[in-house]
Amino acid sequence: MGDRSLIVIESEQFATPITLYGHWSGTDNLTAVQNVLARTGRVGDPSYLTAQMFWEFARLGNYDGELSFGIDTFGLPDATAWVDNETIFVNAETGEYRTEPFGLARPVPPTEIVSACP
């Protein structure tokens, strides 16, 4: 049920890829990526680029703030198994996109996470 699609944003600065989920989004994932990359100056700035991707994805889907969209760190490859459309993978460092993972995530060791906490 649904017309589910994902945008998976990868960066060497992320511990895992950031997954944007649209339950009724169909091919809006590809349109959102193309729209953002055509106008952004934030390629190479993964946090801002991810925010822009989510905003455009949700805008295309008429998101009302309640249901149908999500942001997660599902990881790969399991997240792509239950969607209805091609998953779009974005390299936040270069702005490239495709339907296969880039493999950029840098898993953060638990000791590094704990040492970063005050």
C-alpha atoms as a PDB file:
ATOM      1  CA  MET A   1       0.000   0.000   0.000  1.00  0.00           C
ATOM      2  CA  GLY A   2       1.398   3.362  -0.977  1.00  0.00           C
ATOM      3  CA  ASP A   3       3.731   4.658  -3.650  1.00  0.00           C
ATOM      4  CA  ARG A   4       6.845   4.666  -1.500  1.00  0.00           C
ATOM      5  CA  SER A   5      10.193   6.109  -2.461  1.00  0.00           C
ATOM      6  CA  LEU A   6      13.472   7.034  -0.809  1.00  0.00           C
ATOM      7  CA  ILE A   7      16.279   9.517  -1.180  1.00  0.00           C
ATOM      8  CA  VAL A   8      19.453   8.241   0.488  1.00  0.00           C
ATOM      9  CA  ILE A   9      22.067  10.926   1.101  1.00  0.00           C
ATOM     10  CA  GLU A  10      25.607   9.721   1.639  1.00  0.00           C
ATOM     11  CA  SER A  11      28.597  11.623   2.938  1.00  0.00           C
ATOM     12  CA  GLU A  12      31.933  10.795   4.481  1.00  0.00           C
ATOM     13  CA  GLN A  13      30.830  13.183   7.245  1.00  0.00           C
ATOM     14  CA  PHE A  14      27.838  10.960   8.161  1.00  0.00           C
ATOM     15  CA  ALA A  15      28.165   7.820  10.288  1.00  0.00           C
ATOM     16  CA  THR A  16      25.366   6.256   8.212  1.00  0.00           C
ATOM     17  CA  PRO A  17      23.468   7.432   5.151  1.00  0.00           C
ATOM     18  CA  ILE A  18      20.511   9.726   5.844  1.00  0.00           C
ATOM     19  CA  THR A  19      17.311   8.269   4.408  1.00  0.00           C
ATOM     20  CA  LEU A  20      14.376  10.462   3.391  1.00  0.00           C
ATOM     21  CA  TYR A  21      11.132   8.499   3.065  1.00  0.00           C
ATOM     22  CA  GLY A  22       7.949   9.454   1.226  1.00  0.00           C
ATOM     23  CA  HIS A  23       4.982   7.083   1.569  1.00  0.00           C
ATOM     24  CA  TRP A  24       2.980   8.516  -1.356  1.00  0.00           C
ATOM     25  CA  SER A  25       5.855  10.181  -3.229  1.00  0.00           C
ATOM     26  CA  GLY A  26       6.282   7.988  -6.292  1.00  0.00           C
ATOM     27  CA  THR A  27       8.980   9.463  -8.493  1.00  0.00           C
ATOM     28  CA  ASP A  28       9.072  12.761  -6.556  1.00  0.00           C
ATOM     29  CA  ASN A  29      12.364  11.517  -5.099  1.00  0.00           C
ATOM     30  CA  LEU A  30      14.127  11.938  -8.446  1.00  0.00           C
ATOM     31  CA  THR A  31      12.391  15.264  -9.137  1.00  0.00           C
ATOM     32  CA  ALA A  32      13.357  16.599  -5.687  1.00  0.00           C
ATOM     33  CA  VAL A  33      17.018  15.653  -6.169  1.00  0.00           C
ATOM     34  CA  GLN A  34      17.157  17.202  -9.635  1.00  0.00           C
ATOM     35  CA  ASN A  35      15.405  20.404  -8.478  1.00  0.00           C
ATOM     36  CA  VAL A  36      17.720  20.921  -5.507  1.00  0.00           C
ATOM     37  CA  LEU A  37      20.931  20.161  -7.391  1.00  0.00           C
ATOM     38  CA  ALA A  38      19.911  22.583 -10.157  1.00  0.00           C
ATOM     39  CA  ARG A  39      19.715  25.531  -7.749  1.00  0.00           C
ATOM     40  CA  THR A  40      21.786  24.814  -4.644  1.00  0.00           C
ATOM     41  CA  GLY A  41      25.141  26.212  -3.625  1.00  0.00           C
ATOM     42  CA  ARG A  42      25.416  23.622  -0.835  1.00  0.00           C
ATOM     43  CA  VAL A  43      26.980  20.638  -2.589  1.00  0.00           C
ATOM     44  CA  GLY A  44      29.818  19.637  -0.262  1.00  0.00           C
ATOM     45  CA  ASP A  45      27.864  20.805   2.808  1.00  0.00           C
ATOM     46  CA  PRO A  46      25.982  17.597   3.689  1.00  0.00           C
ATOM     47  CA  SER A  47      23.815  18.966   6.528  1.00  0.00           C
ATOM     48  CA  TYR A  48      22.424  21.860   4.485  1.00  0.00           C
ATOM     49  CA  LEU A  49      22.076  19.759   1.350  1.00  0.00           C
ATOM     50  CA  THR A  50      20.136  17.116   3.298  1.00  0.00           C
ATOM     51  CA  ALA A  51      17.779  19.775   4.695  1.00  0.00           C
ATOM     52  CA  GLN A  52      17.192  21.157   1.204  1.00  0.00           C
ATOM     53  CA  MET A  53      16.500  17.671  -0.166  1.00  0.00           C
ATOM     54  CA  PHE A  54      13.949  16.945   2.554  1.00  0.00           C
ATOM     55  CA  TRP A  55      12.224  20.303   2.142  1.00  0.00           C
ATOM     56  CA  GLU A  56      11.871  19.828  -1.631  1.00  0.00           C
ATOM     57  CA  PHE A  57      10.770  16.183  -1.294  1.00  0.00           C
ATOM     58  CA  ALA A  58       8.096  17.125   1.257  1.00  0.00           C
ATOM     59  CA  ARG A  59       7.028  20.212  -0.715  1.00  0.00           C
ATOM     60  CA  LEU A  60       6.424  18.141  -3.848  1.00  0.00           C
ATOM     61  CA  GLY A  61       4.330  15.738  -1.773  1.00  0.00           C
ATOM     62  CA  ASN A  62       2.233  18.508  -0.168  1.00  0.00           C
ATOM     63  CA  TYR A  63       3.400  17.450   3.296  1.00  0.00           C
ATOM     64  CA  ASP A  64       1.082  18.793   6.002  1.00  0.00           C
ATOM     65  CA  GLY A  65       3.413  18.087   8.915  1.00  0.00           C
ATOM     66  CA  GLU A  66       1.562  15.009  10.144  1.00  0.00           C
ATOM     67  CA  LEU A  67       1.937  11.869   8.027  1.00  0.00           C
ATOM     68  CA  SER A  68       3.633  10.305   5.010  1.00  0.00           C
ATOM     69  CA  PHE A  69       7.257  11.524   5.324  1.00  0.00           C
ATOM     70  CA  GLY A  70      10.197  10.535   7.471  1.00  0.00           C
ATOM     71  CA  ILE A  71      13.910  10.968   8.069  1.00  0.00           C
ATOM     72  CA  ASP A  72      15.971   8.094   9.390  1.00  0.00           C
ATOM     73  CA  THR A  73      19.323   6.359   9.397  1.00  0.00           C
ATOM     74  CA  PHE A  74      18.001   3.006   8.179  1.00  0.00           C
ATOM     75  CA  GLY A  75      21.340   1.980   6.777  1.00  0.00           C
ATOM     76  CA  LEU A  76      21.674  -0.120   3.678  1.00  0.00           C
ATOM     77  CA  PRO A  77      20.677  -2.264   1.839  1.00  0.00           C
ATOM     78  CA  ASP A  78      17.512  -3.283   3.760  1.00  0.00           C
ATOM     79  CA  ALA A  79      15.800   0.111   3.460  1.00  0.00           C
ATOM     80  CA  THR A  80      15.397  -0.272  -0.292  1.00  0.00           C
ATOM     81  CA  ALA A  81      13.653  -3.661  -0.166  1.00  0.00           C
ATOM     82  CA  TRP A  82      10.145  -2.384   0.606  1.00  0.00           C
ATOM     83  CA  VAL A  83       9.818   0.644  -1.648  1.00  0.00           C
ATOM     84  CA  ASP A  84       7.779   0.851  -4.849  1.00  0.00           C
ATOM     85  CA  ASN A  85      10.099   3.073  -6.909  1.00  0.00           C
ATOM     86  CA  GLU A  86      13.817   3.384  -7.636  1.00  0.00           C
ATOM     87  CA  THR A  87      15.772   4.636  -4.637  1.00  0.00           C
ATOM     88  CA  ILE A  88      17.877   7.670  -5.471  1.00  0.00           C
ATOM     89  CA  PHE A  89      21.326   7.829  -3.828  1.00  0.00           C
ATOM     90  CA  VAL A  90      23.009  11.226  -3.568  1.00  0.00           C
ATOM     91  CA  ASN A  91      26.697  11.901  -2.968  1.00  0.00           C
ATOM     92  CA  ALA A  92      26.572  15.050  -0.811  1.00  0.00           C
ATOM     93  CA  GLU A  93      30.253  15.740  -1.487  1.00  0.00           C
ATOM     94  CA  THR A  94      29.966  15.948  -5.295  1.00  0.00           C
ATOM     95  CA  GLY A  95      26.259  16.289  -6.108  1.00  0.00           C
ATOM     96  CA  GLU A  96      26.233  13.089  -8.150  1.00  0.00           C
ATOM     97  CA  TYR A  97      23.131  10.907  -7.937  1.00  0.00           C
ATOM     98  CA  ARG A  98      22.270   7.404  -9.122  1.00  0.00           C
ATOM     99  CA  THR A  99      20.279   4.295  -8.226  1.00  0.00           C
ATOM    100  CA  GLU A 100      23.203   2.486  -6.542  1.00  0.00           C
ATOM    101  CA  PRO A 101      24.911   3.321  -3.216  1.00  0.00           C
ATOM    102  CA  PHE A 102      28.180   5.256  -3.204  1.00  0.00           C
ATOM    103  CA  GLY A 103      29.447   3.583  -0.019  1.00  0.00           C
ATOM    104  CA  LEU A 104      30.587   6.830   1.614  1.00  0.00           C
ATOM    105  CA  ALA A 105      29.319   6.402   5.178  1.00  0.00           C
ATOM    106  CA  ARG A 106      32.019   6.231   7.809  1.00  0.00           C
ATOM    107  CA  PRO A 107      30.824   4.105  10.724  1.00  0.00           C
ATOM    108  CA  VAL A 108      31.694   5.881  13.966  1.00  0.00           C
ATOM    109  CA  PRO A 109      33.169   3.632  16.670  1.00  0.00           C
ATOM    110  CA  PRO A 110      31.178   3.729  19.952  1.00  0.00           C
ATOM    111  CA  THR A 111      34.234   5.062  21.797  1.00  0.00           C
ATOM    112  CA  GLU A 112      34.331   8.082  19.470  1.00  0.00           C
ATOM    113  CA  ILE A 113      30.647   8.805  20.159  1.00  0.00           C
ATOM    114  CA  VAL A 114      31.095   8.530  23.930  1.00  0.00           C
ATOM    115  CA  SER A 115      34.210  10.715  23.937  1.00  0.00           C
ATOM    116  CA  ALA A 116      32.302  13.443  22.028  1.00  0.00           C
ATOM    117  CA  CYS A 117      29.635  13.650  24.742  1.00  0.00           C
ATOM    118  CA  PRO A 118      30.195  16.109  27.601  1.00  0.00           C
END
